[in-house]
Amino acid sequence: MSTLAHLASPRGSQLPLAPGSGTGVKLPPGISDLKDWGTTISKLPKVAGLKLSYEELVQDPKNHHEYLTWVLKHGADCGGRLEDLCLYLKAIKYDQKPGLAVDQLFPGTHEIREKKVSRA
């Protein structure tokens, strides 16, 4: 008998999961999934005037990476809007995005190195 046999359901079938429950991410009340969470418009003072959603901020690292990195570092236990954005960034694993590799930043900064693509 397998040592994992006790984890199987009696009929060997899976039970349905609520959206977000399989990701290990606790979604805020009223949010159905990460895509829905990303549509939240950030009203934090530094970016409120831009009227950008969380997803739009993430999609523009040239202009927002340093700020989003700051939010990740300082927003975890602040409550309210700052904590909400911080939790969203953690949920999407913003600090692990392939385009944000440490080797693409200037040493000792969060500033993204821009490169010119040669045209053959």
N, C-alpha and C. Protein backbone atom coordinates (compact mmCIF):
# COMPACT_ATOMS: atom_id res chain seq x y z
N MET A 1 0.85 -1.19 0.00
CA MET A 1 0.00 0.00 0.00
C MET A 1 0.89 1.24 0.00
N SER A 2 0.54 2.22 -0.82
CA SER A 2 1.30 3.45 -0.92
C SER A 2 1.17 4.27 0.37
N THR A 3 2.22 4.97 0.69
CA THR A 3 2.18 5.81 1.89
C THR A 3 1.29 7.04 1.68
N LEU A 4 0.94 7.32 0.41
CA LEU A 4 0.08 8.47 0.11
C LEU A 4 -1.37 8.06 -0.11
N ALA A 5 -1.68 6.78 0.05
CA ALA A 5 -3.03 6.29 -0.21
C ALA A 5 -4.08 6.99 0.64
N HIS A 6 -3.71 7.39 1.84
CA HIS A 6 -4.68 8.04 2.73
C HIS A 6 -5.12 9.41 2.24
N LEU A 7 -4.36 10.00 1.25
CA LEU A 7 -4.71 11.32 0.74
C LEU A 7 -5.74 11.25 -0.38
N ALA A 8 -5.93 10.10 -0.98
CA ALA A 8 -6.87 9.95 -2.09
C ALA A 8 -8.29 9.93 -1.56
N SER A 9 -9.21 10.45 -2.39
CA SER A 9 -10.62 10.38 -2.00
C SER A 9 -11.10 8.95 -2.23
N PRO A 10 -12.21 8.56 -1.61
CA PRO A 10 -12.67 7.18 -1.70
C PRO A 10 -12.85 6.68 -3.13
N ARG A 11 -13.31 7.54 -4.02
CA ARG A 11 -13.55 7.11 -5.40
C ARG A 11 -12.42 7.52 -6.33
N GLY A 12 -11.38 8.13 -5.80
CA GLY A 12 -10.24 8.53 -6.63
C GLY A 12 -10.47 9.77 -7.45
N SER A 13 -11.49 10.54 -7.16
CA SER A 13 -11.76 11.75 -7.93
C SER A 13 -11.37 12.98 -7.12
N GLN A 14 -11.15 14.07 -7.84
CA GLN A 14 -10.80 15.33 -7.18
C GLN A 14 -12.05 16.12 -6.87
N LEU A 15 -11.95 16.92 -5.84
CA LEU A 15 -13.02 17.84 -5.50
C LEU A 15 -12.73 19.18 -6.15
N PRO A 16 -13.75 19.94 -6.57
CA PRO A 16 -13.50 21.25 -7.18
C PRO A 16 -12.92 22.23 -6.17
N LEU A 17 -12.13 23.15 -6.68
CA LEU A 17 -11.51 24.18 -5.83
C LEU A 17 -12.10 25.53 -6.18
N ALA A 18 -12.23 26.37 -5.18
CA ALA A 18 -12.67 27.73 -5.42
C ALA A 18 -11.56 28.50 -6.12
N PRO A 19 -11.89 29.51 -6.97
CA PRO A 19 -10.86 30.28 -7.65
C PRO A 19 -9.85 30.86 -6.66
N GLY A 20 -8.58 30.71 -7.00
CA GLY A 20 -7.53 31.25 -6.15
C GLY A 20 -7.11 30.32 -5.04
N SER A 21 -7.93 29.31 -4.71
CA SER A 21 -7.60 28.47 -3.57
C SER A 21 -6.44 27.53 -3.85
N GLY A 22 -6.22 27.16 -5.10
CA GLY A 22 -5.12 26.27 -5.45
C GLY A 22 -3.79 26.97 -5.56
N THR A 23 -3.79 28.28 -5.54
CA THR A 23 -2.56 29.03 -5.72
C THR A 23 -1.86 29.34 -4.40
N GLY A 24 -2.52 29.11 -3.30
CA GLY A 24 -1.95 29.47 -2.02
C GLY A 24 -2.08 30.96 -1.74
N VAL A 25 -2.82 31.67 -2.58
CA VAL A 25 -3.00 33.11 -2.45
C VAL A 25 -4.35 33.37 -1.80
N LYS A 26 -4.33 34.17 -0.74
CA LYS A 26 -5.58 34.57 -0.10
C LYS A 26 -6.05 35.84 -0.78
N LEU A 27 -7.17 35.73 -1.46
CA LEU A 27 -7.71 36.88 -2.18
C LEU A 27 -8.52 37.77 -1.24
N PRO A 28 -8.49 39.08 -1.47
CA PRO A 28 -9.29 40.00 -0.65
C PRO A 28 -10.79 39.75 -0.88
N PRO A 29 -11.62 40.13 0.07
CA PRO A 29 -13.07 39.98 -0.10
C PRO A 29 -13.54 40.70 -1.36
N GLY A 30 -14.41 40.05 -2.12
CA GLY A 30 -14.96 40.66 -3.33
C GLY A 30 -14.09 40.51 -4.56
N ILE A 31 -12.94 39.86 -4.44
CA ILE A 31 -12.03 39.66 -5.57
C ILE A 31 -12.10 38.18 -5.95
N SER A 32 -12.35 37.92 -7.23
CA SER A 32 -12.57 36.54 -7.66
C SER A 32 -11.29 35.81 -8.07
N ASP A 33 -10.30 36.54 -8.59
CA ASP A 33 -9.04 35.91 -9.00
C ASP A 33 -7.97 37.00 -9.17
N LEU A 34 -6.76 36.58 -9.53
CA LEU A 34 -5.66 37.55 -9.65
C LEU A 34 -5.91 38.56 -10.76
N LYS A 35 -6.52 38.12 -11.86
CA LYS A 35 -6.81 39.05 -12.95
C LYS A 35 -7.75 40.15 -12.46
N ASP A 36 -8.77 39.76 -11.72
CA ASP A 36 -9.72 40.72 -11.15
C ASP A 36 -8.99 41.68 -10.20
N TRP A 37 -8.12 41.15 -9.35
CA TRP A 37 -7.36 41.97 -8.39
C TRP A 37 -6.50 42.99 -9.14
N GLY A 38 -5.93 42.57 -10.26
CA GLY A 38 -5.07 43.45 -11.05
C GLY A 38 -5.78 44.64 -11.65
N THR A 39 -7.12 44.60 -11.71
CA THR A 39 -7.87 45.73 -12.28
C THR A 39 -8.09 46.85 -11.26
N THR A 40 -7.70 46.62 -10.01
CA THR A 40 -7.83 47.64 -8.97
C THR A 40 -7.02 48.87 -9.34
N ILE A 41 -7.63 50.02 -9.31
CA ILE A 41 -6.92 51.27 -9.61
C ILE A 41 -6.19 51.72 -8.36
N SER A 42 -4.90 51.97 -8.50
CA SER A 42 -4.09 52.39 -7.36
C SER A 42 -4.36 53.86 -7.04
N LYS A 43 -4.72 54.10 -5.78
CA LYS A 43 -4.96 55.47 -5.33
C LYS A 43 -3.90 55.90 -4.32
N LEU A 44 -2.76 55.21 -4.36
CA LEU A 44 -1.65 55.62 -3.50
C LEU A 44 -1.13 56.97 -4.01
N PRO A 45 -0.78 57.88 -3.12
CA PRO A 45 -0.43 59.25 -3.51
C PRO A 45 0.58 59.36 -4.66
N LYS A 46 1.59 58.53 -4.68
CA LYS A 46 2.63 58.65 -5.71
C LYS A 46 2.10 58.37 -7.13
N VAL A 47 1.06 57.54 -7.25
CA VAL A 47 0.58 57.16 -8.58
C VAL A 47 -0.91 57.44 -8.80
N ALA A 48 -1.59 58.00 -7.82
CA ALA A 48 -3.04 58.21 -7.91
C ALA A 48 -3.43 59.02 -9.14
N GLY A 49 -2.69 60.05 -9.45
CA GLY A 49 -3.00 60.91 -10.59
C GLY A 49 -2.92 60.20 -11.93
N LEU A 50 -2.22 59.07 -11.98
CA LEU A 50 -2.07 58.32 -13.23
C LEU A 50 -3.30 57.46 -13.54
N LYS A 51 -4.10 57.19 -12.51
CA LYS A 51 -5.30 56.36 -12.65
C LYS A 51 -4.99 55.01 -13.31
N LEU A 52 -3.90 54.39 -12.86
CA LEU A 52 -3.49 53.10 -13.41
C LEU A 52 -3.90 51.96 -12.49
N SER A 53 -4.20 50.83 -13.10
CA SER A 53 -4.52 49.64 -12.31
C SER A 53 -3.21 49.02 -11.83
N TYR A 54 -3.33 48.08 -10.88
CA TYR A 54 -2.15 47.37 -10.39
C TYR A 54 -1.44 46.70 -11.57
N GLU A 55 -2.20 46.06 -12.44
CA GLU A 55 -1.60 45.36 -13.57
C GLU A 55 -0.87 46.33 -14.50
N GLU A 56 -1.45 47.50 -14.73
CA GLU A 56 -0.80 48.49 -15.59
C GLU A 56 0.51 48.98 -14.97
N LEU A 57 0.55 49.15 -13.66
CA LEU A 57 1.79 49.54 -13.00
C LEU A 57 2.86 48.48 -13.21
N VAL A 58 2.47 47.23 -13.06
CA VAL A 58 3.41 46.11 -13.22
C VAL A 58 3.91 46.02 -14.66
N GLN A 59 3.04 46.32 -15.62
CA GLN A 59 3.40 46.19 -17.03
C GLN A 59 4.32 47.32 -17.51
N ASP A 60 4.59 48.31 -16.68
CA ASP A 60 5.44 49.43 -17.07
C ASP A 60 6.62 49.56 -16.10
N PRO A 61 7.53 48.55 -16.11
CA PRO A 61 8.63 48.57 -15.15
C PRO A 61 9.59 49.75 -15.36
N LYS A 62 9.68 50.25 -16.56
CA LYS A 62 10.59 51.38 -16.81
C LYS A 62 10.23 52.57 -15.92
N ASN A 63 8.94 52.79 -15.73
CA ASN A 63 8.49 53.93 -14.93
C ASN A 63 8.12 53.60 -13.49
N HIS A 64 7.85 52.32 -13.19
CA HIS A 64 7.29 52.01 -11.88
C HIS A 64 8.03 50.94 -11.08
N HIS A 65 9.06 50.33 -11.65
CA HIS A 65 9.73 49.23 -10.95
C HIS A 65 10.30 49.64 -9.60
N GLU A 66 10.96 50.77 -9.55
CA GLU A 66 11.56 51.21 -8.28
C GLU A 66 10.49 51.42 -7.21
N TYR A 67 9.38 52.02 -7.59
CA TYR A 67 8.28 52.25 -6.64
C TYR A 67 7.66 50.94 -6.19
N LEU A 68 7.41 50.03 -7.13
CA LEU A 68 6.79 48.75 -6.78
C LEU A 68 7.72 47.92 -5.88
N THR A 69 9.01 48.03 -6.11
CA THR A 69 9.97 47.34 -5.25
C THR A 69 9.92 47.93 -3.84
N TRP A 70 9.77 49.24 -3.74
CA TRP A 70 9.63 49.90 -2.45
C TRP A 70 8.36 49.41 -1.75
N VAL A 71 7.26 49.32 -2.50
CA VAL A 71 5.99 48.84 -1.94
C VAL A 71 6.17 47.42 -1.39
N LEU A 72 6.84 46.56 -2.15
CA LEU A 72 7.09 45.19 -1.68
C LEU A 72 7.87 45.18 -0.37
N LYS A 73 8.83 46.06 -0.26
CA LYS A 73 9.71 46.09 0.91
C LYS A 73 9.04 46.68 2.14
N HIS A 74 8.16 47.66 1.95
CA HIS A 74 7.61 48.41 3.09
C HIS A 74 6.11 48.24 3.35
N GLY A 75 5.38 47.63 2.42
CA GLY A 75 3.93 47.66 2.52
C GLY A 75 3.26 46.50 3.22
N ALA A 76 4.01 45.49 3.64
CA ALA A 76 3.41 44.25 4.14
C ALA A 76 2.47 44.44 5.32
N ASP A 77 2.81 45.26 6.28
CA ASP A 77 2.00 45.38 7.48
C ASP A 77 1.44 46.78 7.69
N CYS A 78 1.30 47.52 6.62
CA CYS A 78 0.84 48.91 6.73
C CYS A 78 -0.67 49.04 6.69
N GLY A 79 -1.35 48.01 6.22
CA GLY A 79 -2.80 48.08 6.13
C GLY A 79 -3.26 48.88 4.93
N GLY A 80 -4.53 48.83 4.67
CA GLY A 80 -5.15 49.63 3.62
C GLY A 80 -4.59 49.41 2.23
N ARG A 81 -4.56 50.49 1.48
CA ARG A 81 -4.19 50.44 0.06
C ARG A 81 -2.76 49.98 -0.17
N LEU A 82 -1.83 50.43 0.67
CA LEU A 82 -0.43 50.05 0.50
C LEU A 82 -0.25 48.55 0.70
N GLU A 83 -0.86 48.02 1.73
CA GLU A 83 -0.77 46.58 1.99
C GLU A 83 -1.46 45.78 0.87
N ASP A 84 -2.57 46.28 0.36
CA ASP A 84 -3.28 45.59 -0.70
C ASP A 84 -2.40 45.46 -1.95
N LEU A 85 -1.75 46.56 -2.35
CA LEU A 85 -0.87 46.50 -3.52
C LEU A 85 0.31 45.57 -3.23
N CYS A 86 0.86 45.64 -2.04
CA CYS A 86 1.97 44.77 -1.66
C CYS A 86 1.57 43.30 -1.76
N LEU A 87 0.40 42.96 -1.25
CA LEU A 87 -0.08 41.58 -1.30
C LEU A 87 -0.32 41.13 -2.74
N TYR A 88 -0.82 42.04 -3.57
CA TYR A 88 -1.01 41.72 -5.00
C TYR A 88 0.35 41.42 -5.64
N LEU A 89 1.34 42.26 -5.39
CA LEU A 89 2.67 42.05 -5.97
C LEU A 89 3.26 40.72 -5.52
N LYS A 90 3.05 40.38 -4.26
CA LYS A 90 3.53 39.08 -3.77
C LYS A 90 2.78 37.94 -4.44
N ALA A 91 1.46 38.11 -4.61
CA ALA A 91 0.64 37.07 -5.21
C ALA A 91 1.05 36.77 -6.65
N ILE A 92 1.43 37.80 -7.39
CA ILE A 92 1.84 37.58 -8.78
C ILE A 92 3.34 37.30 -8.88
N LYS A 93 4.00 37.25 -7.71
CA LYS A 93 5.44 36.99 -7.63
C LYS A 93 6.22 38.03 -8.45
N TYR A 94 5.87 39.28 -8.22
CA TYR A 94 6.49 40.39 -8.96
C TYR A 94 8.01 40.37 -8.85
N ASP A 95 8.52 40.07 -7.68
CA ASP A 95 9.97 40.08 -7.47
C ASP A 95 10.66 38.91 -8.16
N GLN A 96 9.89 37.98 -8.73
CA GLN A 96 10.47 36.84 -9.43
C GLN A 96 10.20 36.88 -10.93
N LYS A 97 9.69 37.98 -11.44
CA LYS A 97 9.39 38.09 -12.87
C LYS A 97 10.68 37.97 -13.67
N PRO A 98 10.67 37.19 -14.76
CA PRO A 98 11.89 36.98 -15.55
C PRO A 98 12.49 38.28 -16.09
N GLY A 99 11.66 39.22 -16.47
CA GLY A 99 12.15 40.48 -17.02
C GLY A 99 12.79 41.38 -15.99
N LEU A 100 12.73 41.00 -14.71
CA LEU A 100 13.27 41.85 -13.65
C LEU A 100 14.46 41.19 -12.98
N ALA A 101 15.22 40.43 -13.75
CA ALA A 101 16.38 39.75 -13.20
C ALA A 101 17.39 40.77 -12.68
N VAL A 102 18.07 40.40 -11.61
CA VAL A 102 19.04 41.30 -10.98
C VAL A 102 20.11 41.74 -11.98
N ASP A 103 20.48 40.86 -12.91
CA ASP A 103 21.52 41.22 -13.87
C ASP A 103 21.04 42.27 -14.88
N GLN A 104 19.76 42.62 -14.87
CA GLN A 104 19.25 43.65 -15.75
C GLN A 104 19.08 44.98 -15.02
N LEU A 105 19.51 45.04 -13.78
CA LEU A 105 19.45 46.26 -13.00
C LEU A 105 20.85 46.82 -12.82
N PHE A 106 20.96 48.12 -12.67
CA PHE A 106 22.25 48.70 -12.34
C PHE A 106 22.62 48.25 -10.93
N PRO A 107 23.88 47.84 -10.72
CA PRO A 107 24.29 47.33 -9.41
C PRO A 107 23.95 48.30 -8.28
N GLY A 108 23.38 47.75 -7.21
CA GLY A 108 23.06 48.54 -6.03
C GLY A 108 21.82 49.40 -6.17
N THR A 109 21.07 49.23 -7.28
CA THR A 109 19.86 50.03 -7.50
C THR A 109 18.71 49.12 -7.91
N HIS A 110 17.57 49.74 -8.08
CA HIS A 110 16.41 49.05 -8.64
C HIS A 110 16.12 49.63 -10.02
N GLU A 111 17.09 50.33 -10.58
CA GLU A 111 16.92 50.98 -11.88
C GLU A 111 17.21 49.98 -12.99
N ILE A 112 16.26 49.84 -13.91
CA ILE A 112 16.39 48.86 -14.99
C ILE A 112 17.33 49.37 -16.07
N ARG A 113 18.24 48.50 -16.46
CA ARG A 113 19.19 48.81 -17.54
C ARG A 113 18.46 48.71 -18.88
N GLU A 114 18.45 49.78 -19.64
CA GLU A 114 17.84 49.76 -20.97
C GLU A 114 18.93 49.46 -21.99
N LYS A 115 18.60 48.65 -22.98
CA LYS A 115 19.57 48.30 -24.00
C LYS A 115 18.99 48.61 -25.38
N LYS A 116 19.86 49.00 -26.25
CA LYS A 116 19.46 49.28 -27.62
C LYS A 116 19.63 47.99 -28.43
N VAL A 117 18.61 47.65 -29.18
CA VAL A 117 18.65 46.44 -29.99
C VAL A 117 19.21 46.82 -31.36
N SER A 118 20.26 46.11 -31.76
CA SER A 118 20.85 46.41 -33.06
C SER A 118 19.96 45.85 -34.16
N ARG A 119 19.90 46.57 -35.24
CA ARG A 119 19.07 46.14 -36.37
C ARG A 119 19.98 45.59 -37.45
N ALA A 120 19.77 44.36 -37.79
CA ALA A 120 20.64 43.69 -38.78
C ALA A 120 20.22 43.98 -40.18
